[in-house]
Amino acid sequence: MKRLIVATSNRGKTREINNIVAELGFEVSSLLDVAIPPEIIEDGDTFEANAIKKARIVSDAFDCASLADDSGLVVDALDGAPGVFSARYGGEGLSDTQRYERLLEALKDVPEHERTARFQCALAFITPGEPVQLFNGTVEGRIAFAPRGTKGFGYDPVFLPEGQHISMAELDSDKKQQISHRGRALQQFAKWVSSR
């Protein structure tokens, strides 16, 4: 079985990624499982650049396959913010709740029809000695006026996926896996692995 380290210490991401990757014949672990994780500074201008950087650093550090995602929320009324700074929106050390409350505050005067947004995910897979493989996923939607639901993490409680009448945080895990940005990128990854 081939070793694969998911390049994240985010428990929510780890759970979502493991749900799919574990079925592909990998021995999966994450940075939560290693004694001394490498330092990774996410300073890329795009989700793709950050995902590739994370995957490469982890692959080089442990000499094994690595899968890294970089994802975030892109809000049209905020000129694309928080974007690549989604995990650091409002400053370091804030909780998920504090971040989405700050987002809601920034959008308090924005009418419903202008609250369009999307979750984007770039997923990078690197095996030592082979070129990087990149997979992308997007889910369109809008920002709610108040948080709804307790499932998921990050901005899920304030994001209403297109075609749904509930927030991302109200979806059950199977439905979220089908329609989420990360789920869509992981589906592409799984298809690619299965075709090899």
C-alpha atoms as a PDB file:
ATOM      1  CA  MET A   1       0.000   0.000   0.000  1.00  0.00           C
ATOM      2  CA  LYS A   2       1.389   3.388  -1.005  1.00  0.00           C
ATOM      3  CA  ARG A   3       1.918   5.965   1.735  1.00  0.00           C
ATOM      4  CA  LEU A   4       0.157   9.283   1.282  1.00  0.00           C
ATOM      5  CA  ILE A   5       0.348  12.280   3.600  1.00  0.00           C
ATOM      6  CA  VAL A   6      -2.402  14.857   3.347  1.00  0.00           C
ATOM      7  CA  ALA A   7      -0.639  18.213   3.770  1.00  0.00           C
ATOM      8  CA  THR A   8      -2.956  19.757   6.355  1.00  0.00           C
ATOM      9  CA  SER A   9      -3.420  20.082  10.094  1.00  0.00           C
ATOM     10  CA  ASN A  10      -7.046  21.146   9.672  1.00  0.00           C
ATOM     11  CA  ARG A  11      -9.229  18.406  11.177  1.00  0.00           C
ATOM     12  CA  GLY A  12     -12.243  19.295   9.010  1.00  0.00           C
ATOM     13  CA  LYS A  13     -10.244  19.082   5.790  1.00  0.00           C
ATOM     14  CA  THR A  14      -8.524  15.899   6.968  1.00  0.00           C
ATOM     15  CA  ARG A  15     -11.880  14.237   7.609  1.00  0.00           C
ATOM     16  CA  GLU A  16     -13.335  15.246   4.230  1.00  0.00           C
ATOM     17  CA  ILE A  17     -10.244  14.228   2.257  1.00  0.00           C
ATOM     18  CA  ASN A  18      -9.790  10.916   4.084  1.00  0.00           C
ATOM     19  CA  ASN A  19     -13.374   9.911   3.318  1.00  0.00           C
ATOM     20  CA  ILE A  20     -12.462   9.596  -0.367  1.00  0.00           C
ATOM     21  CA  VAL A  21      -8.695   9.020  -0.426  1.00  0.00           C
ATOM     22  CA  ALA A  22      -8.714   6.077   1.998  1.00  0.00           C
ATOM     23  CA  GLU A  23     -10.740   4.059  -0.534  1.00  0.00           C
ATOM     24  CA  LEU A  24      -8.113   4.502  -3.277  1.00  0.00           C
ATOM     25  CA  GLY A  25      -5.534   2.075  -1.904  1.00  0.00           C
ATOM     26  CA  PHE A  26      -3.358   4.542  -0.011  1.00  0.00           C
ATOM     27  CA  GLU A  27      -2.112   4.326   3.552  1.00  0.00           C
ATOM     28  CA  VAL A  28      -3.340   7.788   4.525  1.00  0.00           C
ATOM     29  CA  SER A  29      -2.120  10.088   7.273  1.00  0.00           C
ATOM     30  CA  SER A  30      -2.003  13.856   7.741  1.00  0.00           C
ATOM     31  CA  LEU A  31       0.247  16.413   9.393  1.00  0.00           C
ATOM     32  CA  LEU A  32      -1.771  15.748  12.555  1.00  0.00           C
ATOM     33  CA  ASP A  33      -0.137  12.299  12.632  1.00  0.00           C
ATOM     34  CA  VAL A  34       3.531  13.290  12.295  1.00  0.00           C
ATOM     35  CA  ALA A  35       5.784  14.243  15.191  1.00  0.00           C
ATOM     36  CA  ILE A  36       7.434  17.265  13.582  1.00  0.00           C
ATOM     37  CA  PRO A  37       5.449  18.700  10.667  1.00  0.00           C
ATOM     38  CA  PRO A  38       7.416  20.886   8.252  1.00  0.00           C
ATOM     39  CA  GLU A  39       6.842  24.626   8.328  1.00  0.00           C
ATOM     40  CA  ILE A  40       4.658  25.759   5.437  1.00  0.00           C
ATOM     41  CA  ILE A  41       4.089  29.434   4.686  1.00  0.00           C
ATOM     42  CA  GLU A  42       1.149  29.923   2.352  1.00  0.00           C
ATOM     43  CA  ASP A  43       2.289  32.967   0.402  1.00  0.00           C
ATOM     44  CA  GLY A  44       1.044  32.135  -3.096  1.00  0.00           C
ATOM     45  CA  ASP A  45      -1.197  34.464  -5.097  1.00  0.00           C
ATOM     46  CA  THR A  46      -3.549  31.630  -6.066  1.00  0.00           C
ATOM     47  CA  PHE A  47      -5.103  28.535  -4.539  1.00  0.00           C
ATOM     48  CA  GLU A  48      -3.131  26.453  -7.054  1.00  0.00           C
ATOM     49  CA  ALA A  49       0.223  27.969  -6.052  1.00  0.00           C
ATOM     50  CA  ASN A  50      -0.418  27.334  -2.361  1.00  0.00           C
ATOM     51  CA  ALA A  51      -1.611  23.759  -2.934  1.00  0.00           C
ATOM     52  CA  ILE A  52       1.446  22.909  -5.026  1.00  0.00           C
ATOM     53  CA  LYS A  53       3.792  24.450  -2.465  1.00  0.00           C
ATOM     54  CA  LYS A  54       2.253  22.518   0.428  1.00  0.00           C
ATOM     55  CA  ALA A  55       2.262  19.211  -1.456  1.00  0.00           C
ATOM     56  CA  ARG A  56       5.865  19.660  -2.560  1.00  0.00           C
ATOM     57  CA  ILE A  57       7.180  20.553   0.911  1.00  0.00           C
ATOM     58  CA  VAL A  58       5.455  17.550   2.518  1.00  0.00           C
ATOM     59  CA  SER A  59       6.453  15.146  -0.259  1.00  0.00           C
ATOM     60  CA  ASP A  60      10.092  16.253   0.001  1.00  0.00           C
ATOM     61  CA  ALA A  61      10.097  16.128   3.809  1.00  0.00           C
ATOM     62  CA  PHE A  62       8.769  12.564   4.033  1.00  0.00           C
ATOM     63  CA  ASP A  63       9.820  11.169   0.628  1.00  0.00           C
ATOM     64  CA  CYS A  64       6.336   9.942  -0.173  1.00  0.00           C
ATOM     65  CA  ALA A  65       3.208  10.938  -2.053  1.00  0.00           C
ATOM     66  CA  SER A  66       1.461  14.043  -0.797  1.00  0.00           C
ATOM     67  CA  LEU A  67      -1.954  15.527  -1.416  1.00  0.00           C
ATOM     68  CA  ALA A  68      -2.589  19.172  -0.549  1.00  0.00           C
ATOM     69  CA  ASP A  69      -5.592  21.370  -0.948  1.00  0.00           C
ATOM     70  CA  ASP A  70      -5.864  25.106  -0.813  1.00  0.00           C
ATOM     71  CA  SER A  71      -9.345  26.462  -0.846  1.00  0.00           C
ATOM     72  CA  GLY A  72     -11.385  29.418   0.163  1.00  0.00           C
ATOM     73  CA  LEU A  73     -14.369  31.625  -0.265  1.00  0.00           C
ATOM     74  CA  VAL A  74     -14.537  34.205  -3.066  1.00  0.00           C
ATOM     75  CA  VAL A  75     -17.192  36.893  -2.534  1.00  0.00           C
ATOM     76  CA  ASP A  76     -18.054  39.085  -5.510  1.00  0.00           C
ATOM     77  CA  ALA A  77     -19.235  42.094  -3.456  1.00  0.00           C
ATOM     78  CA  LEU A  78     -15.852  42.095  -1.683  1.00  0.00           C
ATOM     79  CA  ASP A  79     -13.851  42.032  -4.937  1.00  0.00           C
ATOM     80  CA  GLY A  80     -12.949  38.371  -4.425  1.00  0.00           C
ATOM     81  CA  ALA A  81     -12.070  38.571  -0.729  1.00  0.00           C
ATOM     82  CA  PRO A  82     -11.356  36.703   1.425  1.00  0.00           C
ATOM     83  CA  GLY A  83      -9.946  34.457  -1.370  1.00  0.00           C
ATOM     84  CA  VAL A  84      -6.525  32.960  -0.625  1.00  0.00           C
ATOM     85  CA  PHE A  85      -6.671  34.672   2.772  1.00  0.00           C
ATOM     86  CA  SER A  86      -9.860  32.841   3.823  1.00  0.00           C
ATOM     87  CA  ALA A  87      -8.170  30.999   6.705  1.00  0.00           C
ATOM     88  CA  ARG A  88      -6.587  34.248   7.913  1.00  0.00           C
ATOM     89  CA  TYR A  89      -9.452  36.658   7.168  1.00  0.00           C
ATOM     90  CA  GLY A  90      -9.634  39.274   9.901  1.00  0.00           C
ATOM     91  CA  GLY A  91      -6.230  38.367  11.299  1.00  0.00           C
ATOM     92  CA  GLU A  92      -4.422  35.441  12.896  1.00  0.00           C
ATOM     93  CA  GLY A  93      -5.926  33.562  15.812  1.00  0.00           C
ATOM     94  CA  LEU A  94      -9.619  34.079  15.044  1.00  0.00           C
ATOM     95  CA  SER A  95     -12.078  31.193  15.290  1.00  0.00           C
ATOM     96  CA  ASP A  96     -14.218  30.070  12.350  1.00  0.00           C
ATOM     97  CA  THR A  97     -17.177  31.828  13.980  1.00  0.00           C
ATOM     98  CA  GLN A  98     -15.264  35.100  14.360  1.00  0.00           C
ATOM     99  CA  ARG A  99     -14.214  34.948  10.704  1.00  0.00           C
ATOM    100  CA  TYR A 100     -17.681  34.439   9.300  1.00  0.00           C
ATOM    101  CA  GLU A 101     -19.090  37.056  11.680  1.00  0.00           C
ATOM    102  CA  ARG A 102     -16.557  39.516  10.282  1.00  0.00           C
ATOM    103  CA  LEU A 103     -17.630  38.519   6.765  1.00  0.00           C
ATOM    104  CA  LEU A 104     -21.304  39.052   7.609  1.00  0.00           C
ATOM    105  CA  GLU A 105     -20.455  42.458   9.061  1.00  0.00           C
ATOM    106  CA  ALA A 106     -18.644  43.435   5.841  1.00  0.00           C
ATOM    107  CA  LEU A 107     -21.750  42.415   3.863  1.00  0.00           C
ATOM    108  CA  LYS A 108     -24.417  43.827   6.205  1.00  0.00           C
ATOM    109  CA  ASP A 109     -25.623  46.446   3.700  1.00  0.00           C
ATOM    110  CA  VAL A 110     -25.340  44.222   0.609  1.00  0.00           C
ATOM    111  CA  PRO A 111     -28.725  43.056  -0.759  1.00  0.00           C
ATOM    112  CA  GLU A 112     -29.432  39.380  -1.374  1.00  0.00           C
ATOM    113  CA  HIS A 113     -29.030  39.506  -5.161  1.00  0.00           C
ATOM    114  CA  GLU A 114     -25.501  40.951  -4.776  1.00  0.00           C
ATOM    115  CA  ARG A 115     -24.297  38.378  -2.224  1.00  0.00           C
ATOM    116  CA  THR A 116     -23.012  35.943  -4.867  1.00  0.00           C
ATOM    117  CA  ALA A 117     -19.960  33.899  -3.929  1.00  0.00           C
ATOM    118  CA  ARG A 118     -18.204  30.634  -4.576  1.00  0.00           C
ATOM    119  CA  PHE A 119     -16.037  28.150  -2.754  1.00  0.00           C
ATOM    120  CA  GLN A 120     -12.956  27.213  -4.795  1.00  0.00           C
ATOM    121  CA  CYS A 121     -10.528  24.366  -4.216  1.00  0.00           C
ATOM    122  CA  ALA A 122      -7.210  23.499  -5.819  1.00  0.00           C
ATOM    123  CA  LEU A 123      -5.902  20.021  -5.039  1.00  0.00           C
ATOM    124  CA  ALA A 124      -2.266  19.146  -5.781  1.00  0.00           C
ATOM    125  CA  PHE A 125      -0.875  15.599  -5.797  1.00  0.00           C
ATOM    126  CA  ILE A 126       2.852  14.942  -5.885  1.00  0.00           C
ATOM    127  CA  THR A 127       4.747  11.664  -5.948  1.00  0.00           C
ATOM    128  CA  PRO A 128       8.563  11.904  -5.700  1.00  0.00           C
ATOM    129  CA  GLY A 129      10.109  11.990  -9.159  1.00  0.00           C
ATOM    130  CA  GLU A 130       6.833  12.637 -10.981  1.00  0.00           C
ATOM    131  CA  PRO A 131       5.158  15.862 -12.187  1.00  0.00           C
ATOM    132  CA  VAL A 132       2.511  17.517 -10.048  1.00  0.00           C
ATOM    133  CA  GLN A 133      -1.114  16.720 -10.812  1.00  0.00           C
ATOM    134  CA  LEU A 134      -3.646  19.492 -10.211  1.00  0.00           C
ATOM    135  CA  PHE A 135      -7.414  19.175  -9.746  1.00  0.00           C
ATOM    136  CA  ASN A 136      -9.935  22.001  -9.246  1.00  0.00           C
ATOM    137  CA  GLY A 137     -13.439  22.221  -7.871  1.00  0.00           C
ATOM    138  CA  THR A 138     -15.907  25.089  -7.504  1.00  0.00           C
ATOM    139  CA  VAL A 139     -19.366  25.439  -6.011  1.00  0.00           C
ATOM    140  CA  GLU A 140     -21.395  28.571  -6.714  1.00  0.00           C
ATOM    141  CA  GLY A 141     -23.769  30.095  -4.190  1.00  0.00           C
ATOM    142  CA  ARG A 142     -24.440  33.151  -2.071  1.00  0.00           C
ATOM    143  CA  ILE A 143     -23.804  34.422   1.425  1.00  0.00           C
ATOM    144  CA  ALA A 144     -26.657  34.155   3.916  1.00  0.00           C
ATOM    145  CA  PHE A 145     -27.605  37.001   6.257  1.00  0.00           C
ATOM    146  CA  ALA A 146     -27.058  34.811   9.338  1.00  0.00           C
ATOM    147  CA  PRO A 147     -25.331  31.496  10.094  1.00  0.00           C
ATOM    148  CA  ARG A 148     -27.341  28.285   9.751  1.00  0.00           C
ATOM    149  CA  GLY A 149     -26.394  24.743  10.750  1.00  0.00           C
ATOM    150  CA  THR A 150     -23.717  23.137  12.864  1.00  0.00           C
ATOM    151  CA  LYS A 151     -22.097  20.665  10.462  1.00  0.00           C
ATOM    152  CA  GLY A 152     -18.966  21.401   8.465  1.00  0.00           C
ATOM    153  CA  PHE A 153     -16.412  24.066   9.338  1.00  0.00           C
ATOM    154  CA  GLY A 154     -15.068  27.415   8.187  1.00  0.00           C
ATOM    155  CA  TYR A 155     -17.612  29.496   6.280  1.00  0.00           C
ATOM    156  CA  ASP A 156     -20.042  26.589   5.779  1.00  0.00           C
ATOM    157  CA  PRO A 157     -22.755  28.078   8.068  1.00  0.00           C
ATOM    158  CA  VAL A 158     -23.054  31.252   5.969  1.00  0.00           C
ATOM    159  CA  PHE A 159     -22.734  29.737   2.478  1.00  0.00           C
ATOM    160  CA  LEU A 160     -25.887  28.732   0.596  1.00  0.00           C
ATOM    161  CA  PRO A 161     -24.939  26.480  -2.341  1.00  0.00           C
ATOM    162  CA  GLU A 162     -26.668  27.161  -5.649  1.00  0.00           C
ATOM    163  CA  GLY A 163     -29.771  25.006  -6.029  1.00  0.00           C
ATOM    164  CA  GLN A 164     -30.005  24.353  -2.280  1.00  0.00           C
ATOM    165  CA  HIS A 165     -32.308  25.973   0.273  1.00  0.00           C
ATOM    166  CA  ILE A 166     -29.998  25.165   3.168  1.00  0.00           C
ATOM    167  CA  SER A 167     -26.474  26.165   4.093  1.00  0.00           C
ATOM    168  CA  MET A 168     -23.389  24.048   3.541  1.00  0.00           C
ATOM    169  CA  ALA A 169     -23.386  23.462   7.321  1.00  0.00           C
ATOM    170  CA  GLU A 170     -26.883  21.937   7.139  1.00  0.00           C
ATOM    171  CA  LEU A 171     -26.000  19.349   4.494  1.00  0.00           C
ATOM    172  CA  ASP A 172     -25.267  15.792   5.538  1.00  0.00           C
ATOM    173  CA  SER A 173     -21.706  14.659   4.852  1.00  0.00           C
ATOM    174  CA  ASP A 174     -22.592  12.525   1.800  1.00  0.00           C
ATOM    175  CA  LYS A 175     -24.463  15.366   0.094  1.00  0.00           C
ATOM    176  CA  LYS A 176     -21.720  17.843   0.932  1.00  0.00           C
ATOM    177  CA  GLN A 177     -19.113  15.466  -0.527  1.00  0.00           C
ATOM    178  CA  GLN A 178     -21.091  15.364  -3.784  1.00  0.00           C
ATOM    179  CA  ILE A 179     -21.511  19.098  -4.315  1.00  0.00           C
ATOM    180  CA  SER A 180     -18.719  20.844  -2.418  1.00  0.00           C
ATOM    181  CA  HIS A 181     -15.687  22.403  -4.060  1.00  0.00           C
ATOM    182  CA  ARG A 182     -13.373  19.994  -2.244  1.00  0.00           C
ATOM    183  CA  GLY A 183     -15.618  17.037  -3.006  1.00  0.00           C
ATOM    184  CA  ARG A 184     -15.590  17.887  -6.711  1.00  0.00           C
ATOM    185  CA  ALA A 185     -11.788  18.209  -6.793  1.00  0.00           C
ATOM    186  CA  LEU A 186     -11.446  14.923  -4.882  1.00  0.00           C
ATOM    187  CA  GLN A 187     -13.794  13.200  -7.331  1.00  0.00           C
ATOM    188  CA  GLN A 188     -11.494  14.280 -10.171  1.00  0.00           C
ATOM    189  CA  PHE A 189      -8.485  13.021  -8.213  1.00  0.00           C
ATOM    190  CA  ALA A 190     -10.178   9.670  -7.533  1.00  0.00           C
ATOM    191  CA  LYS A 191     -11.069   9.284 -11.214  1.00  0.00           C
ATOM    192  CA  TRP A 192      -7.471  10.037 -12.211  1.00  0.00           C
ATOM    193  CA  VAL A 193      -6.061   7.522  -9.702  1.00  0.00           C
ATOM    194  CA  SER A 194      -8.531   4.848 -10.837  1.00  0.00           C
ATOM    195  CA  SER A 195      -7.595   5.358 -14.500  1.00  0.00           C
ATOM    196  CA  ARG A 196      -3.870   4.704 -13.929  1.00  0.00           C
END
